């Protein structure tokens, strides 16, 4: 089964998410109050955690797509195997009619 990605609120409830949120807030406060550089705070405190979360969601979506493609391929293989089993019995009777059809097409 594919992994169900966490929502932002669920991600913040995990130990990693809470740690990342605290570090982001402290970095944002430090950059605004102590250093006085807004851009540094936005990059490290907002853009970095947001990009990490979006990367996590992207990889989860790609995993779900790969899982779905694998299930489709497995289903098609099963259908092909079932069709091959049923076709093998009908092919024993059909070659004579197919060969006469091919001869008639060649003569035209």
N, C-alpha and C. Protein backbone atom coordinates (compact mmCIF):
# COMPACT_ATOMS: atom_id res chain seq x y z
N UNK A 1 0.82 -1.18 0.00
CA UNK A 1 0.00 0.00 0.00
C UNK A 1 0.87 1.25 0.00
N UNK A 2 0.36 2.28 -0.57
CA UNK A 2 1.08 3.54 -0.63
C UNK A 2 1.02 4.24 0.72
N UNK A 3 2.02 5.03 0.95
CA UNK A 3 2.10 5.79 2.19
C UNK A 3 1.15 6.98 2.10
N UNK A 4 0.37 7.20 3.15
CA UNK A 4 -0.54 8.33 3.18
C UNK A 4 0.20 9.53 3.76
N UNK A 5 0.43 10.57 2.95
CA UNK A 5 1.21 11.71 3.44
C UNK A 5 0.47 12.48 4.53
N UNK A 6 1.24 13.06 5.41
CA UNK A 6 0.68 13.82 6.52
C UNK A 6 0.24 15.21 6.06
N UNK A 7 -0.83 15.70 6.64
CA UNK A 7 -1.23 17.08 6.40
C UNK A 7 -0.30 17.98 7.21
N UNK A 8 -0.29 19.29 6.93
CA UNK A 8 0.59 20.17 7.71
C UNK A 8 0.32 20.13 9.22
N UNK A 9 -0.94 20.05 9.61
CA UNK A 9 -1.23 20.00 11.05
C UNK A 9 -0.77 18.68 11.66
N UNK A 10 -0.91 17.59 10.92
CA UNK A 10 -0.42 16.29 11.41
C UNK A 10 1.10 16.26 11.45
N UNK A 11 1.74 16.90 10.47
CA UNK A 11 3.21 16.94 10.43
C UNK A 11 3.77 17.70 11.61
N UNK A 12 3.07 18.74 12.06
CA UNK A 12 3.54 19.51 13.21
C UNK A 12 3.40 18.73 14.51
N UNK A 13 2.56 17.73 14.54
CA UNK A 13 2.38 16.93 15.76
C UNK A 13 3.46 15.87 15.92
N UNK A 14 4.24 15.61 14.88
CA UNK A 14 5.33 14.65 15.00
C UNK A 14 6.52 15.31 15.67
N UNK A 15 7.45 14.52 16.16
CA UNK A 15 8.62 15.06 16.83
C UNK A 15 9.48 15.87 15.86
N UNK A 16 9.66 15.36 14.66
CA UNK A 16 10.45 16.07 13.65
C UNK A 16 9.77 17.37 13.24
N UNK A 17 8.47 17.32 13.03
CA UNK A 17 7.73 18.52 12.64
C UNK A 17 7.76 19.58 13.72
N UNK A 18 7.60 19.17 14.96
CA UNK A 18 7.62 20.14 16.07
C UNK A 18 9.01 20.76 16.20
N UNK A 19 10.04 19.95 16.07
CA UNK A 19 11.41 20.46 16.14
C UNK A 19 11.67 21.45 15.02
N UNK A 20 11.27 21.10 13.82
CA UNK A 20 11.46 21.98 12.68
C UNK A 20 10.68 23.28 12.85
N UNK A 21 9.48 23.21 13.39
CA UNK A 21 8.69 24.42 13.63
C UNK A 21 9.35 25.33 14.66
N UNK A 22 9.86 24.75 15.74
CA UNK A 22 10.52 25.54 16.78
C UNK A 22 11.79 26.20 16.23
N UNK A 23 12.58 25.43 15.50
CA UNK A 23 13.81 25.98 14.92
C UNK A 23 13.48 27.08 13.91
N UNK A 24 12.45 26.89 13.13
CA UNK A 24 12.05 27.90 12.15
C UNK A 24 11.60 29.19 12.83
N UNK A 25 10.80 29.07 13.88
CA UNK A 25 10.31 30.25 14.59
C UNK A 25 11.47 30.97 15.28
N UNK A 26 12.36 30.21 15.92
CA UNK A 26 13.52 30.83 16.57
C UNK A 26 14.42 31.52 15.55
N UNK A 27 14.63 30.91 14.41
CA UNK A 27 15.45 31.52 13.37
C UNK A 27 14.80 32.79 12.83
N UNK A 28 13.49 32.74 12.63
CA UNK A 28 12.78 33.91 12.14
C UNK A 28 12.85 35.06 13.15
N UNK A 29 12.63 34.75 14.42
CA UNK A 29 12.71 35.78 15.46
C UNK A 29 14.13 36.32 15.57
N UNK A 30 15.12 35.43 15.55
CA UNK A 30 16.53 35.85 15.63
C UNK A 30 16.89 36.76 14.47
N UNK A 31 16.47 36.39 13.26
CA UNK A 31 16.85 37.19 12.10
C UNK A 31 16.16 38.55 12.11
N UNK A 32 14.95 38.61 12.64
CA UNK A 32 14.24 39.89 12.66
C UNK A 32 14.68 40.79 13.82
N UNK A 33 14.83 40.22 15.00
CA UNK A 33 15.10 41.02 16.20
C UNK A 33 16.60 41.28 16.38
N UNK A 34 17.41 40.26 16.34
CA UNK A 34 18.83 40.40 16.64
C UNK A 34 19.61 40.91 15.42
N UNK A 35 19.50 40.23 14.30
CA UNK A 35 20.30 40.55 13.12
C UNK A 35 19.66 41.66 12.31
N UNK A 36 18.38 41.69 12.26
CA UNK A 36 17.67 42.71 11.50
C UNK A 36 17.62 42.44 10.01
N UNK A 37 17.71 41.20 9.61
CA UNK A 37 17.65 40.85 8.19
C UNK A 37 16.39 40.03 7.93
N UNK A 38 15.46 40.65 7.27
CA UNK A 38 14.17 40.02 7.02
C UNK A 38 14.31 38.87 6.03
N UNK A 39 15.11 39.08 4.99
CA UNK A 39 15.25 38.07 3.95
C UNK A 39 15.83 36.76 4.49
N UNK A 40 16.83 36.86 5.36
CA UNK A 40 17.41 35.67 5.97
C UNK A 40 16.35 34.89 6.76
N UNK A 41 15.55 35.61 7.52
CA UNK A 41 14.50 34.97 8.31
C UNK A 41 13.45 34.31 7.45
N UNK A 42 13.10 34.95 6.34
CA UNK A 42 12.11 34.35 5.45
C UNK A 42 12.66 33.12 4.74
N UNK A 43 13.91 33.18 4.34
CA UNK A 43 14.50 32.03 3.63
C UNK A 43 14.64 30.84 4.57
N UNK A 44 15.26 31.06 5.73
CA UNK A 44 15.52 29.95 6.64
C UNK A 44 14.28 29.57 7.45
N UNK A 45 13.51 30.54 7.85
CA UNK A 45 12.38 30.27 8.74
C UNK A 45 11.10 29.88 8.05
N UNK A 46 10.94 30.26 6.77
CA UNK A 46 9.69 29.98 6.08
C UNK A 46 9.92 29.13 4.82
N UNK A 47 10.80 29.57 3.95
CA UNK A 47 10.98 28.90 2.67
C UNK A 47 11.58 27.50 2.83
N UNK A 48 12.55 27.35 3.70
CA UNK A 48 13.19 26.03 3.88
C UNK A 48 12.21 24.99 4.42
N UNK A 49 11.49 25.25 5.51
CA UNK A 49 10.52 24.24 5.97
C UNK A 49 9.39 23.98 4.95
N UNK A 50 8.95 25.03 4.27
CA UNK A 50 7.90 24.84 3.27
C UNK A 50 8.40 23.97 2.12
N UNK A 51 9.64 24.20 1.68
CA UNK A 51 10.17 23.38 0.59
C UNK A 51 10.41 21.94 1.04
N UNK A 52 10.81 21.75 2.28
CA UNK A 52 10.96 20.38 2.79
C UNK A 52 9.62 19.65 2.82
N UNK A 53 8.59 20.33 3.27
CA UNK A 53 7.26 19.71 3.32
C UNK A 53 6.73 19.42 1.91
N UNK A 54 6.92 20.37 0.99
CA UNK A 54 6.47 20.14 -0.38
C UNK A 54 7.24 19.01 -1.05
N UNK A 55 8.52 18.88 -0.74
CA UNK A 55 9.31 17.76 -1.27
C UNK A 55 8.78 16.43 -0.72
N UNK A 56 8.45 16.42 0.57
CA UNK A 56 7.88 15.23 1.19
C UNK A 56 6.57 14.83 0.50
N UNK A 57 5.72 15.82 0.25
CA UNK A 57 4.44 15.54 -0.42
C UNK A 57 4.66 15.07 -1.85
N UNK A 58 5.63 15.66 -2.55
CA UNK A 58 5.94 15.25 -3.93
C UNK A 58 6.39 13.80 -3.97
N UNK A 59 7.31 13.42 -3.09
CA UNK A 59 7.78 12.04 -3.07
C UNK A 59 6.66 11.07 -2.67
N UNK A 60 5.77 11.49 -1.78
CA UNK A 60 4.63 10.64 -1.42
C UNK A 60 3.69 10.46 -2.62
N UNK A 61 3.48 11.54 -3.38
CA UNK A 61 2.62 11.44 -4.57
C UNK A 61 3.27 10.55 -5.63
N UNK A 62 4.58 10.69 -5.83
CA UNK A 62 5.28 9.83 -6.79
C UNK A 62 5.24 8.37 -6.36
N UNK A 63 5.34 8.13 -5.07
CA UNK A 63 5.24 6.76 -4.55
C UNK A 63 3.85 6.18 -4.82
N UNK A 64 2.82 7.00 -4.63
CA UNK A 64 1.46 6.55 -4.91
C UNK A 64 1.25 6.27 -6.39
N UNK A 65 1.84 7.09 -7.26
CA UNK A 65 1.73 6.85 -8.70
C UNK A 65 2.44 5.57 -9.10
N UNK A 66 3.63 5.35 -8.54
CA UNK A 66 4.37 4.13 -8.85
C UNK A 66 3.61 2.90 -8.36
N UNK A 67 3.01 3.00 -7.19
CA UNK A 67 2.23 1.89 -6.64
C UNK A 67 1.01 1.60 -7.53
N UNK A 68 0.35 2.66 -7.98
CA UNK A 68 -0.82 2.47 -8.85
C UNK A 68 -0.42 1.87 -10.19
N UNK A 69 0.70 2.31 -10.75
CA UNK A 69 1.17 1.75 -12.02
C UNK A 69 1.51 0.27 -11.85
N UNK A 70 2.10 -0.08 -10.72
CA UNK A 70 2.43 -1.49 -10.47
C UNK A 70 1.16 -2.33 -10.34
N UNK A 71 0.14 -1.79 -9.66
CA UNK A 71 -1.12 -2.55 -9.54
C UNK A 71 -1.80 -2.71 -10.89
N UNK A 72 -1.74 -1.69 -11.74
CA UNK A 72 -2.33 -1.79 -13.08
C UNK A 72 -1.58 -2.83 -13.89
N UNK A 73 -0.25 -2.83 -13.81
CA UNK A 73 0.55 -3.81 -14.55
C UNK A 73 0.25 -5.23 -14.06
N UNK A 74 0.12 -5.41 -12.76
CA UNK A 74 -0.22 -6.74 -12.23
C UNK A 74 -1.59 -7.20 -12.71
N UNK A 75 -2.56 -6.29 -12.73
CA UNK A 75 -3.90 -6.64 -13.18
C UNK A 75 -3.89 -7.01 -14.67
N UNK A 76 -3.13 -6.27 -15.47
CA UNK A 76 -3.04 -6.59 -16.90
C UNK A 76 -2.34 -7.93 -17.13
N UNK A 77 -1.32 -8.22 -16.32
CA UNK A 77 -0.66 -9.52 -16.43
C UNK A 77 -1.62 -10.66 -16.10
N UNK A 78 -2.42 -10.47 -15.05
CA UNK A 78 -3.40 -11.51 -14.70
C UNK A 78 -4.42 -11.69 -15.82
N UNK A 79 -4.88 -10.56 -16.40
CA UNK A 79 -5.84 -10.65 -17.50
C UNK A 79 -5.22 -11.34 -18.71
N UNK A 80 -3.96 -11.03 -19.00
CA UNK A 80 -3.29 -11.65 -20.14
C UNK A 80 -3.10 -13.15 -19.92
N UNK A 81 -2.76 -13.53 -18.68
CA UNK A 81 -2.61 -14.95 -18.37
C UNK A 81 -3.93 -15.69 -18.51
N UNK A 82 -5.01 -15.07 -18.03
CA UNK A 82 -6.33 -15.70 -18.15
C UNK A 82 -6.74 -15.80 -19.62
N UNK A 83 -6.48 -14.76 -20.37
CA UNK A 83 -6.82 -14.79 -21.79
C UNK A 83 -6.00 -15.83 -22.53
N UNK A 84 -4.73 -15.97 -22.17
CA UNK A 84 -3.88 -16.97 -22.82
C UNK A 84 -4.36 -18.38 -22.51
N UNK A 85 -4.84 -18.58 -21.29
CA UNK A 85 -5.36 -19.91 -20.94
C UNK A 85 -6.60 -20.25 -21.76
N UNK A 86 -7.50 -19.27 -21.92
CA UNK A 86 -8.73 -19.53 -22.66
C UNK A 86 -8.47 -19.55 -24.17
N UNK A 87 -7.52 -18.75 -24.66
CA UNK A 87 -7.23 -18.71 -26.08
C UNK A 87 -6.52 -19.96 -26.56
N UNK A 88 -5.77 -20.62 -25.69
CA UNK A 88 -5.03 -21.80 -26.12
C UNK A 88 -5.99 -22.92 -26.56
N UNK A 89 -7.13 -23.02 -25.92
CA UNK A 89 -8.10 -24.04 -26.30
C UNK A 89 -8.78 -23.67 -27.62
N UNK A 90 -9.06 -22.43 -27.87
CA UNK A 90 -9.73 -22.02 -29.11
C UNK A 90 -8.76 -21.97 -30.28
N UNK A 91 -7.47 -21.77 -30.01
CA UNK A 91 -6.49 -21.72 -31.10
C UNK A 91 -6.29 -23.08 -31.74
N UNK A 92 -6.57 -24.14 -31.02
CA UNK A 92 -6.41 -25.47 -31.60
C UNK A 92 -7.40 -25.69 -32.74
N UNK A 93 -8.60 -25.12 -32.61
CA UNK A 93 -9.61 -25.28 -33.64
C UNK A 93 -9.47 -24.23 -34.74
N UNK A 94 -8.97 -23.07 -34.42
CA UNK A 94 -8.97 -21.93 -35.33
C UNK A 94 -7.89 -21.94 -36.41
N UNK A 95 -6.75 -22.57 -36.29
CA UNK A 95 -5.71 -22.41 -37.30
C UNK A 95 -6.15 -22.83 -38.71
N UNK A 96 -6.97 -23.81 -38.85
CA UNK A 96 -7.39 -24.23 -40.18
C UNK A 96 -8.21 -23.13 -40.87
N UNK A 97 -9.08 -22.47 -40.13
CA UNK A 97 -9.88 -21.40 -40.73
C UNK A 97 -9.02 -20.17 -40.97
N UNK A 98 -8.06 -19.92 -40.11
CA UNK A 98 -7.18 -18.77 -40.31
C UNK A 98 -6.28 -18.97 -41.51
N UNK A 99 -5.78 -20.18 -41.69
CA UNK A 99 -4.89 -20.41 -42.83
C UNK A 99 -5.66 -20.31 -44.14
N UNK A 100 -6.91 -20.75 -44.17
CA UNK A 100 -7.69 -20.61 -45.41
C UNK A 100 -8.01 -19.15 -45.69
N UNK A 101 -8.23 -18.36 -44.63
CA UNK A 101 -8.45 -16.93 -44.81
C UNK A 101 -7.21 -16.25 -45.35
N UNK A 102 -6.05 -16.64 -44.87
CA UNK A 102 -4.81 -16.05 -45.35
C UNK A 102 -4.55 -16.42 -46.81
N UNK A 103 -4.84 -17.66 -47.16
CA UNK A 103 -4.65 -18.06 -48.57
C UNK A 103 -5.59 -17.27 -49.49
N UNK A 104 -6.79 -17.04 -49.03
CA UNK A 104 -7.74 -16.28 -49.85
C UNK A 104 -7.28 -14.83 -50.00
N UNK A 105 -6.68 -14.27 -48.98
CA UNK A 105 -6.18 -12.90 -49.05
C UNK A 105 -4.98 -12.82 -50.00
N UNK A 106 -4.12 -13.82 -49.99
CA UNK A 106 -2.96 -13.83 -50.88
C UNK A 106 -3.36 -13.92 -52.34
N UNK A 107 -4.40 -14.68 -52.60
CA UNK A 107 -4.83 -14.85 -53.99
C UNK A 107 -5.43 -13.58 -54.54
N UNK A 108 -5.96 -12.73 -53.72
CA UNK A 108 -6.55 -11.47 -54.18
C UNK A 108 -5.47 -10.55 -54.55
